[in-house]
N, C-alpha and C. Protein backbone atom coordinates (compact mmCIF):
# COMPACT_ATOMS: atom_id res chain seq x y z
N UNK A 1 32.24 37.69 25.02
CA UNK A 1 32.38 37.18 26.37
C UNK A 1 33.79 36.61 26.51
N UNK A 2 34.52 37.07 27.52
CA UNK A 2 35.89 36.56 27.71
C UNK A 2 35.90 35.08 28.04
N UNK A 3 36.97 34.44 27.68
CA UNK A 3 37.14 33.01 27.96
C UNK A 3 38.36 32.85 28.88
N UNK A 4 38.16 32.19 30.01
CA UNK A 4 39.21 31.98 31.00
C UNK A 4 39.49 30.49 31.16
N UNK A 5 39.86 29.85 30.07
CA UNK A 5 40.06 28.40 30.02
C UNK A 5 41.19 27.92 30.93
N UNK A 6 42.27 28.67 31.00
CA UNK A 6 43.40 28.26 31.84
C UNK A 6 42.99 28.22 33.31
N UNK A 7 42.16 29.18 33.69
CA UNK A 7 41.69 29.22 35.08
C UNK A 7 40.80 28.03 35.40
N UNK A 8 39.95 27.65 34.46
CA UNK A 8 39.09 26.47 34.67
C UNK A 8 39.96 25.23 34.83
N UNK A 9 40.99 25.10 34.01
CA UNK A 9 41.89 23.93 34.11
C UNK A 9 42.67 23.93 35.42
N UNK A 10 42.94 25.12 35.98
CA UNK A 10 43.69 25.22 37.22
C UNK A 10 42.81 25.14 38.46
N UNK A 11 41.47 25.12 38.26
CA UNK A 11 40.55 25.08 39.40
C UNK A 11 40.86 23.88 40.29
N UNK A 12 40.91 24.11 41.58
CA UNK A 12 41.18 23.04 42.54
C UNK A 12 42.66 22.81 42.80
N UNK A 13 43.53 23.60 42.15
CA UNK A 13 44.97 23.47 42.37
C UNK A 13 45.49 24.71 43.07
N UNK A 14 46.70 24.63 43.54
CA UNK A 14 47.35 25.78 44.19
C UNK A 14 47.61 26.91 43.21
N UNK A 15 47.62 26.62 41.92
CA UNK A 15 47.93 27.63 40.90
C UNK A 15 46.70 28.43 40.46
N UNK A 16 45.51 28.08 40.97
CA UNK A 16 44.29 28.71 40.47
C UNK A 16 44.29 30.23 40.61
N UNK A 17 44.56 30.75 41.78
CA UNK A 17 44.48 32.20 42.00
C UNK A 17 45.45 32.96 41.11
N UNK A 18 46.68 32.46 40.99
CA UNK A 18 47.66 33.13 40.12
C UNK A 18 47.25 33.05 38.66
N UNK A 19 46.73 31.90 38.26
CA UNK A 19 46.29 31.73 36.87
C UNK A 19 45.13 32.67 36.56
N UNK A 20 44.16 32.74 37.46
CA UNK A 20 43.01 33.63 37.26
C UNK A 20 43.46 35.09 37.21
N UNK A 21 44.34 35.47 38.13
CA UNK A 21 44.84 36.85 38.14
C UNK A 21 45.52 37.19 36.81
N UNK A 22 46.37 36.30 36.32
CA UNK A 22 47.08 36.55 35.07
C UNK A 22 46.11 36.63 33.88
N UNK A 23 45.12 35.77 33.86
CA UNK A 23 44.17 35.81 32.75
C UNK A 23 43.34 37.10 32.79
N UNK A 24 42.93 37.52 33.97
CA UNK A 24 42.16 38.76 34.08
C UNK A 24 43.01 39.95 33.65
N UNK A 25 44.24 40.01 34.11
CA UNK A 25 45.12 41.12 33.72
C UNK A 25 45.36 41.13 32.21
N UNK A 26 45.32 39.97 31.58
CA UNK A 26 45.50 39.89 30.14
C UNK A 26 44.27 40.27 29.33
N UNK A 27 43.11 40.37 29.98
CA UNK A 27 41.89 40.72 29.26
C UNK A 27 41.90 42.15 28.75
N UNK A 28 42.40 43.06 29.57
CA UNK A 28 42.40 44.47 29.18
C UNK A 28 41.10 45.16 29.52
N UNK A 29 41.09 46.46 29.33
CA UNK A 29 39.97 47.31 29.73
C UNK A 29 38.70 47.05 28.92
N UNK A 30 38.82 46.58 27.69
CA UNK A 30 37.63 46.38 26.87
C UNK A 30 36.76 45.23 27.36
N UNK A 31 37.35 44.22 27.99
CA UNK A 31 36.59 43.06 28.45
C UNK A 31 36.11 43.22 29.89
N UNK A 32 36.55 44.26 30.56
CA UNK A 32 36.19 44.51 31.95
C UNK A 32 35.38 45.80 32.05
N UNK A 33 34.47 45.92 33.02
CA UNK A 33 33.65 47.13 33.14
C UNK A 33 34.36 48.27 33.86
N UNK A 34 35.58 48.57 33.43
CA UNK A 34 36.37 49.60 34.13
C UNK A 34 35.79 50.99 33.93
N UNK A 35 35.28 51.27 32.74
CA UNK A 35 34.72 52.60 32.48
C UNK A 35 33.57 52.88 33.46
N UNK A 36 32.76 51.88 33.75
CA UNK A 36 31.64 52.05 34.68
C UNK A 36 32.12 52.15 36.12
N UNK A 37 33.33 51.68 36.41
CA UNK A 37 33.86 51.69 37.77
C UNK A 37 34.70 52.90 38.10
N UNK A 38 34.78 53.87 37.20
CA UNK A 38 35.60 55.06 37.43
C UNK A 38 35.11 55.86 38.64
N UNK A 39 36.05 56.38 39.40
CA UNK A 39 35.71 57.22 40.55
C UNK A 39 36.25 58.64 40.39
N UNK A 40 37.42 58.80 39.76
CA UNK A 40 38.02 60.13 39.65
C UNK A 40 38.26 60.57 38.21
N UNK A 41 38.54 59.66 37.32
CA UNK A 41 38.84 60.02 35.94
C UNK A 41 37.61 59.95 35.06
N UNK A 42 37.82 60.20 33.77
CA UNK A 42 36.70 60.12 32.83
C UNK A 42 36.95 59.09 31.73
N UNK A 43 38.15 58.50 31.69
CA UNK A 43 38.46 57.50 30.67
C UNK A 43 39.41 56.46 31.26
N UNK A 44 38.99 55.19 31.25
CA UNK A 44 39.81 54.10 31.79
C UNK A 44 40.91 53.74 30.79
N UNK A 45 42.13 53.61 31.29
CA UNK A 45 43.27 53.25 30.44
C UNK A 45 43.50 51.75 30.49
N UNK A 46 44.11 51.23 29.44
CA UNK A 46 44.34 49.80 29.30
C UNK A 46 45.76 49.40 29.68
N UNK A 47 46.40 50.17 30.52
CA UNK A 47 47.77 49.84 30.92
C UNK A 47 47.86 49.76 32.44
N UNK A 48 48.85 49.03 32.90
CA UNK A 48 49.08 48.85 34.34
C UNK A 48 47.88 48.27 35.07
N UNK A 49 47.17 47.36 34.42
CA UNK A 49 46.02 46.71 35.02
C UNK A 49 46.51 45.63 35.98
N UNK A 50 46.02 45.67 37.23
CA UNK A 50 46.40 44.68 38.24
C UNK A 50 45.13 44.12 38.87
N UNK A 51 45.11 42.81 39.03
CA UNK A 51 43.95 42.14 39.62
C UNK A 51 44.33 41.54 40.97
N UNK A 52 43.38 41.55 41.89
CA UNK A 52 43.57 40.96 43.21
C UNK A 52 42.34 40.08 43.47
N UNK A 53 42.56 38.79 43.64
CA UNK A 53 41.46 37.86 43.87
C UNK A 53 41.00 38.02 45.32
N UNK A 54 39.75 38.42 45.51
CA UNK A 54 39.23 38.67 46.85
C UNK A 54 38.49 37.46 47.42
N UNK A 55 37.74 36.77 46.58
CA UNK A 55 36.98 35.60 47.04
C UNK A 55 36.64 34.71 45.86
N UNK A 56 36.60 33.42 46.10
CA UNK A 56 36.18 32.46 45.07
C UNK A 56 35.24 31.45 45.71
N UNK A 57 34.31 30.97 44.90
CA UNK A 57 33.40 29.92 45.36
C UNK A 57 33.01 29.08 44.15
N UNK A 58 32.46 27.91 44.45
CA UNK A 58 32.11 26.98 43.39
C UNK A 58 30.62 26.68 43.42
N UNK A 59 30.03 26.63 42.23
CA UNK A 59 28.67 26.15 42.04
C UNK A 59 28.78 24.89 41.20
N UNK A 60 27.71 24.15 41.03
CA UNK A 60 27.81 22.92 40.23
C UNK A 60 28.35 23.13 38.82
N UNK A 61 27.99 24.24 38.17
CA UNK A 61 28.43 24.44 36.78
C UNK A 61 29.35 25.63 36.59
N UNK A 62 29.66 26.35 37.66
CA UNK A 62 30.43 27.59 37.50
C UNK A 62 31.35 27.85 38.69
N UNK A 63 32.34 28.68 38.42
CA UNK A 63 33.23 29.20 39.45
C UNK A 63 32.91 30.69 39.56
N UNK A 64 32.67 31.15 40.78
CA UNK A 64 32.42 32.57 40.99
C UNK A 64 33.65 33.19 41.65
N UNK A 65 33.98 34.39 41.22
CA UNK A 65 35.12 35.10 41.82
C UNK A 65 34.79 36.57 41.96
N UNK A 66 35.16 37.12 43.09
CA UNK A 66 35.10 38.57 43.31
C UNK A 66 36.53 39.06 43.22
N UNK A 67 36.76 40.03 42.35
CA UNK A 67 38.12 40.46 42.03
C UNK A 67 38.22 41.98 42.14
N UNK A 68 39.25 42.45 42.82
CA UNK A 68 39.56 43.88 42.86
C UNK A 68 40.48 44.20 41.70
N UNK A 69 40.18 45.28 41.00
CA UNK A 69 40.98 45.69 39.84
C UNK A 69 41.57 47.07 40.10
N UNK A 70 42.88 47.16 40.03
CA UNK A 70 43.58 48.44 40.09
C UNK A 70 43.93 48.83 38.67
N UNK A 71 43.62 50.05 38.29
CA UNK A 71 43.90 50.51 36.94
C UNK A 71 44.09 52.02 36.96
N UNK A 72 44.38 52.59 35.81
CA UNK A 72 44.60 54.03 35.71
C UNK A 72 43.54 54.66 34.83
N UNK A 73 43.31 55.93 35.07
CA UNK A 73 42.38 56.69 34.23
C UNK A 73 42.98 58.08 34.00
N UNK A 74 42.38 58.77 33.07
CA UNK A 74 42.73 60.18 32.85
C UNK A 74 41.43 60.97 32.79
N UNK A 75 41.56 62.27 32.98
CA UNK A 75 40.44 63.17 32.77
C UNK A 75 40.65 63.73 31.37
N UNK A 76 39.84 63.25 30.44
CA UNK A 76 40.01 63.63 29.04
C UNK A 76 39.44 65.01 28.79
N UNK A 77 40.26 65.89 28.26
CA UNK A 77 39.83 67.23 27.90
C UNK A 77 39.52 67.30 26.42
N UNK A 78 39.53 68.50 25.90
CA UNK A 78 39.17 68.68 24.49
C UNK A 78 40.38 68.64 23.57
N UNK A 79 41.57 68.52 24.12
CA UNK A 79 42.82 68.49 23.35
C UNK A 79 43.09 69.80 22.61
N UNK A 80 42.50 70.86 23.08
CA UNK A 80 42.76 72.17 22.50
C UNK A 80 44.07 72.71 23.08
N UNK A 81 44.70 73.61 22.38
CA UNK A 81 45.98 74.17 22.82
C UNK A 81 45.84 74.88 24.17
N UNK A 82 44.69 75.49 24.42
CA UNK A 82 44.50 76.22 25.66
C UNK A 82 43.66 75.46 26.68
N UNK A 83 43.54 74.13 26.52
CA UNK A 83 42.77 73.30 27.43
C UNK A 83 43.47 73.24 28.79
N UNK A 84 42.82 73.71 29.87
CA UNK A 84 43.46 73.70 31.19
C UNK A 84 43.41 72.34 31.88
N UNK A 85 42.75 71.37 31.30
CA UNK A 85 42.61 70.06 31.94
C UNK A 85 43.94 69.33 31.94
N UNK A 86 44.43 68.95 33.11
CA UNK A 86 45.68 68.20 33.16
C UNK A 86 45.49 66.78 32.59
N UNK A 87 46.56 66.20 32.07
CA UNK A 87 46.50 64.86 31.50
C UNK A 87 47.13 63.86 32.47
N UNK A 88 47.10 64.17 33.74
CA UNK A 88 47.68 63.29 34.74
C UNK A 88 46.86 62.01 34.87
N UNK A 89 47.56 60.92 35.09
CA UNK A 89 46.88 59.65 35.33
C UNK A 89 46.41 59.59 36.77
N UNK A 90 45.25 59.02 36.95
CA UNK A 90 44.66 58.82 38.27
C UNK A 90 44.66 57.32 38.56
N UNK A 91 44.91 56.94 39.80
CA UNK A 91 44.81 55.55 40.19
C UNK A 91 43.36 55.25 40.53
N UNK A 92 42.84 54.18 39.98
CA UNK A 92 41.44 53.80 40.18
C UNK A 92 41.37 52.39 40.76
N UNK A 93 40.24 52.07 41.36
CA UNK A 93 39.98 50.74 41.89
C UNK A 93 38.49 50.45 41.76
N UNK A 94 38.18 49.25 41.33
CA UNK A 94 36.80 48.79 41.35
C UNK A 94 36.80 47.29 41.58
N UNK A 95 35.65 46.77 41.92
CA UNK A 95 35.52 45.33 42.10
C UNK A 95 34.58 44.79 41.03
N UNK A 96 34.94 43.61 40.53
CA UNK A 96 34.10 42.94 39.54
C UNK A 96 33.74 41.56 40.05
N UNK A 97 32.61 41.08 39.58
CA UNK A 97 32.13 39.73 39.89
C UNK A 97 32.21 38.92 38.61
N UNK A 98 32.90 37.78 38.67
CA UNK A 98 33.01 36.90 37.52
C UNK A 98 32.25 35.61 37.79
N UNK A 99 31.56 35.11 36.79
CA UNK A 99 30.95 33.79 36.82
C UNK A 99 31.52 33.05 35.63
N UNK A 100 32.36 32.04 35.91
CA UNK A 100 33.09 31.32 34.87
C UNK A 100 32.45 29.95 34.68
N UNK A 101 31.98 29.69 33.47
CA UNK A 101 31.39 28.39 33.15
C UNK A 101 32.49 27.33 33.19
N UNK A 102 32.28 26.27 33.98
CA UNK A 102 33.32 25.25 34.15
C UNK A 102 33.49 24.36 32.91
N UNK A 103 32.54 24.36 32.01
CA UNK A 103 32.65 23.56 30.80
C UNK A 103 33.34 24.32 29.68
N UNK A 104 32.92 25.56 29.44
CA UNK A 104 33.42 26.34 28.30
C UNK A 104 34.52 27.33 28.66
N UNK A 105 34.60 27.74 29.93
CA UNK A 105 35.54 28.77 30.34
C UNK A 105 35.05 30.17 30.07
N UNK A 106 33.84 30.32 29.49
CA UNK A 106 33.30 31.64 29.22
C UNK A 106 32.95 32.32 30.54
N UNK A 107 33.30 33.59 30.62
CA UNK A 107 33.11 34.33 31.87
C UNK A 107 32.15 35.50 31.67
N UNK A 108 31.18 35.57 32.55
CA UNK A 108 30.32 36.75 32.63
C UNK A 108 30.97 37.69 33.63
N UNK A 109 31.13 38.94 33.26
CA UNK A 109 31.81 39.91 34.11
C UNK A 109 30.86 41.07 34.38
N UNK A 110 30.71 41.42 35.64
CA UNK A 110 29.86 42.54 36.02
C UNK A 110 30.54 43.36 37.09
N UNK A 111 30.25 44.64 37.10
CA UNK A 111 30.78 45.52 38.15
C UNK A 111 30.22 45.05 39.48
N UNK A 112 31.07 44.95 40.49
CA UNK A 112 30.65 44.50 41.80
C UNK A 112 29.76 45.50 42.50
N UNK A 113 28.96 45.01 43.44
CA UNK A 113 28.03 45.86 44.18
C UNK A 113 28.75 46.89 45.04
N UNK A 114 29.98 46.57 45.49
CA UNK A 114 30.71 47.47 46.38
C UNK A 114 31.52 48.52 45.64
N UNK A 115 31.51 48.50 44.30
CA UNK A 115 32.30 49.45 43.51
C UNK A 115 31.63 50.80 43.50
N UNK A 116 32.44 51.78 43.39
CA UNK A 116 31.95 53.13 43.26
C UNK A 116 32.08 53.52 41.80
N UNK A 117 31.23 54.34 41.34
CA UNK A 117 31.32 54.76 39.95
C UNK A 117 30.09 55.40 39.48
């Protein structure tokens, strides 16, 4: 489970959204459900990950955030010499829902309801 401690410390300040965005972008594809959010490619890449904070709210013990994630994917072929599959990168987008525990900073991450994939 990812830990977003800096974001919890920044909660309630003007720096919160930037801090959360930076921490999410630093998580990488393995901590985010990008593979499940694919729309055009078959493999989510761990480079050029960009996060956009769409909404945040507070509960007594947690911070909730809806985040748009821009990332790249490829259509993975068989890597054979005569494989006609292009290795072009595709631009992808999905939304994730984060629930960040205000005490520990541990974040539950799930693919958002509005994501395609």
